Amino acid sequence: MRFHPCSLFAAFALSLAALWELRPAQADPVAQGAEHCVINVRSDDVLNLRTQPNAQARVLTGLRYGQCGVVVTGACRGEWCPVDDGHYAGWAHKRYLGQVSPARYCVTGIGRNELLSVRAYPAHTSRILVGLNLDQCDVAVLPYARDGWQKVRAEGWEGWVPSRNLTWQ
C-alpha cells in the first residue's frame, strides 16, 4: 500500500493539532520591576491578589482581565509573584500575568502622509482614538492579540492596531 505525501502530511498536521490542544495556555514570562497586565482570566471573573503565595491565602482584591499597571516587585516563589497594582501589594499566580513590552516598537507599513489609526476595538470599523506617524517608535505592546490585531499603548492611549504595522526597534 502506498501513501500519498499529502496524506502523510495531513495526518502529521492533525496529530500535532491534537497535541497542541492538550497544552495549557502559557503566560508571557514575568520580569521583576516590569509592568504587567492581567491575562487568562474570564471576563466575568478576576485574578485574586492574595496576602501570601498560595491559593488558600486571604484575598486582598480582585484584578479584572485587561487591567495593566501591575508591577512584579520581587523574585517569584514557584508559580507566585509579589506584585503591586498601585493600591495593594500582594501575591498573584504568574499564569495570569503578561508583561508589557518596553515602548520600542515602531509604526511601519503606511504612507509618509498617512497616520496609523489606534482603534478602541480590534476592528477597522471601531472608533479612532489617536493617529500615529510613520516610524513613530514609542509604542508599547500589551499582552493581547486578536485576529491580526495587537493591543498597544502610545501617546497616553491604549487601543488596537493591525499587527503588521508594528516592528521592533
Protein backbone atom coordinates (compact mmCIF):
# COMPACT_ATOMS: atom_id res chain seq x y z
CA MET A 1 0.00 0.00 0.00
CA ARG A 2 1.39 3.41 -0.99
CA PHE A 3 0.71 6.64 0.87
CA HIS A 4 0.49 9.92 -0.92
CA PRO A 5 2.89 12.52 0.61
CA CYS A 6 -0.01 14.92 1.16
CA SER A 7 -1.88 12.26 3.14
CA LEU A 8 1.12 11.73 5.39
CA PHE A 9 1.49 15.47 5.92
CA ALA A 10 -2.22 15.84 6.74
CA ALA A 11 -2.04 13.01 9.29
CA PHE A 12 1.07 14.56 10.85
CA ALA A 13 -0.59 18.01 11.00
CA LEU A 14 -3.70 16.55 12.64
CA SER A 15 -1.64 14.74 15.26
CA LEU A 16 0.26 17.96 16.03
CA ALA A 17 -3.00 19.88 16.28
CA ALA A 18 -4.32 17.31 18.75
CA LEU A 19 -1.19 17.67 20.88
CA TRP A 20 -1.42 21.46 20.69
CA GLU A 21 -4.97 21.43 22.08
CA LEU A 22 -3.87 19.43 25.12
CA ARG A 23 -1.34 22.03 26.25
CA PRO A 24 -2.50 24.63 28.77
CA ALA A 25 -2.30 28.32 27.88
CA GLN A 26 1.05 29.82 28.76
CA ALA A 27 1.57 33.33 30.09
CA ASP A 28 4.42 35.52 28.93
CA PRO A 29 7.45 35.38 31.21
CA VAL A 30 7.24 37.76 34.14
CA ALA A 31 10.02 40.22 34.86
CA GLN A 32 10.87 41.78 38.18
CA GLY A 33 10.32 45.55 38.12
CA ALA A 34 8.33 45.43 34.88
CA GLU A 35 4.71 46.36 34.27
CA HIS A 36 2.29 43.51 33.59
CA CYS A 37 -1.35 43.13 32.61
CA VAL A 38 -3.89 40.56 33.75
CA ILE A 39 -4.36 37.77 31.18
CA ASN A 40 -6.01 34.31 31.03
CA VAL A 41 -8.95 35.41 33.22
CA ARG A 42 -12.56 35.12 32.02
CA SER A 43 -14.39 38.41 31.54
CA ASP A 44 -16.80 37.54 34.36
CA ASP A 45 -14.03 36.64 36.82
CA VAL A 46 -11.00 38.29 38.45
CA LEU A 47 -7.42 37.44 39.35
CA ASN A 48 -7.22 37.22 43.13
CA LEU A 49 -4.41 39.25 44.68
CA ARG A 50 -3.52 37.34 47.87
CA THR A 51 -1.69 38.03 51.14
CA GLN A 52 0.64 35.02 50.73
CA PRO A 53 1.96 32.98 47.76
CA ASN A 54 -0.71 30.26 47.81
CA ALA A 55 -4.31 29.72 46.75
CA GLN A 56 -5.54 29.36 50.33
CA ALA A 57 -4.29 32.81 51.46
CA ARG A 58 -6.73 35.67 52.12
CA VAL A 59 -7.78 37.68 49.05
CA LEU A 60 -6.83 41.38 49.17
CA THR A 61 -8.62 42.40 45.97
CA GLY A 62 -9.59 41.14 42.52
CA LEU A 63 -7.90 42.35 39.34
CA ARG A 64 -10.02 42.21 36.19
CA TYR A 65 -8.92 40.89 32.80
CA GLY A 66 -7.09 43.58 30.85
CA GLN A 67 -6.02 45.56 33.90
CA CYS A 68 -2.47 46.83 33.42
CA GLY A 69 -0.13 48.67 35.76
CA VAL A 70 0.58 45.57 37.83
CA VAL A 71 4.29 45.61 38.75
CA VAL A 72 6.19 42.50 39.81
CA THR A 73 8.11 43.78 42.83
CA GLY A 74 10.44 40.89 43.63
CA ALA A 75 11.51 37.36 42.83
CA CYS A 76 8.71 34.87 42.22
CA ARG A 77 8.34 31.87 44.54
CA GLY A 78 7.46 28.97 42.30
CA GLU A 79 4.31 29.96 40.43
CA TRP A 80 3.56 33.00 42.65
CA CYS A 81 4.95 36.52 42.21
CA PRO A 82 4.89 39.52 44.53
CA VAL A 83 3.00 42.34 42.82
CA ASP A 84 1.75 45.87 43.41
CA ASP A 85 -1.20 47.31 41.49
CA GLY A 86 -0.81 50.82 42.86
CA HIS A 87 -3.38 50.20 45.60
CA TYR A 88 -2.49 46.80 47.05
CA ALA A 89 0.70 44.78 47.42
CA GLY A 90 0.27 41.04 47.44
CA TRP A 91 0.83 37.82 45.51
CA ALA A 92 -0.53 36.71 42.13
CA HIS A 93 -0.15 33.48 40.17
CA LYS A 94 2.18 34.14 37.23
CA ARG A 95 -0.05 32.27 34.76
CA TYR A 96 -2.29 35.32 34.88
CA LEU A 97 0.38 37.98 34.31
CA GLY A 98 1.59 39.13 30.90
CA GLN A 99 4.50 41.54 30.60
CA VAL A 100 4.08 44.86 28.81
CA SER A 101 6.85 45.38 26.28
CA PRO A 102 9.17 48.33 26.51
CA ALA A 103 7.99 51.20 24.29
CA ARG A 104 10.34 50.21 21.49
CA TYR A 105 8.02 49.26 18.67
CA CYS A 106 7.78 51.45 15.59
CA VAL A 107 4.96 52.15 13.16
CA THR A 108 5.56 50.71 9.70
CA GLY A 109 3.68 49.87 6.51
CA ILE A 110 1.82 53.16 5.97
CA GLY A 111 2.50 56.06 3.59
CA ARG A 112 4.54 59.14 4.59
CA ASN A 113 1.44 61.34 4.76
CA GLU A 114 -0.78 58.77 6.43
CA LEU A 115 -1.50 58.02 10.09
CA LEU A 116 -1.89 54.60 11.66
CA SER A 117 -5.22 54.60 13.47
CA VAL A 118 -5.21 53.31 17.03
CA ARG A 119 -8.74 51.96 17.46
CA ALA A 120 -10.90 51.34 20.52
CA TYR A 121 -11.55 47.72 19.50
CA PRO A 122 -9.81 45.28 17.10
CA ALA A 123 -11.85 46.19 14.01
CA HIS A 124 -11.44 48.63 11.12
CA THR A 125 -14.92 49.99 11.88
CA SER A 126 -14.10 50.83 15.51
CA ARG A 127 -13.67 54.47 16.50
CA ILE A 128 -10.21 56.01 16.17
CA LEU A 129 -8.56 57.08 19.42
CA VAL A 130 -5.37 58.62 18.02
CA GLY A 131 -3.26 58.54 14.85
CA LEU A 132 0.41 57.55 14.82
CA ASN A 133 3.02 58.75 12.31
CA LEU A 134 5.19 56.51 10.16
CA ASP A 135 8.35 55.45 12.04
CA GLN A 136 6.97 56.61 15.40
CA CYS A 137 8.95 54.44 17.82
CA ASP A 138 7.47 54.87 21.27
CA VAL A 139 4.79 52.20 21.02
CA ALA A 140 4.47 49.65 23.84
CA VAL A 141 2.90 46.29 23.05
CA LEU A 142 0.40 44.98 25.61
CA PRO A 143 -0.01 41.20 26.04
CA TYR A 144 -3.19 40.94 23.96
CA ALA A 145 -3.60 39.98 20.31
CA ARG A 146 -6.66 39.01 18.32
CA ASP A 147 -7.22 38.12 14.66
CA GLY A 148 -4.23 40.07 13.32
CA TRP A 149 -4.67 42.98 15.75
CA GLN A 150 -2.32 43.94 18.59
CA LYS A 151 -3.23 45.98 21.66
CA VAL A 152 -0.77 48.83 22.21
CA ARG A 153 -0.08 51.85 24.38
CA ALA A 154 1.01 55.04 22.62
CA GLU A 155 0.68 58.75 23.34
CA GLY A 156 -1.22 58.01 26.54
CA TRP A 157 -3.83 55.86 24.77
CA GLU A 158 -4.44 52.12 24.87
CA GLY A 159 -6.01 50.67 21.75
CA TRP A 160 -5.67 48.29 18.82
CA VAL A 161 -3.62 48.39 15.59
CA PRO A 162 -3.02 45.80 12.87
CA SER A 163 -0.03 43.68 13.94
CA ARG A 164 1.56 44.04 10.52
CA ASN A 165 2.02 47.77 11.19
CA LEU A 166 4.47 47.28 14.10
CA THR A 167 8.15 46.47 14.04
CA TRP A 168 10.68 46.09 16.86
CA GLN A 169 13.23 48.92 17.04
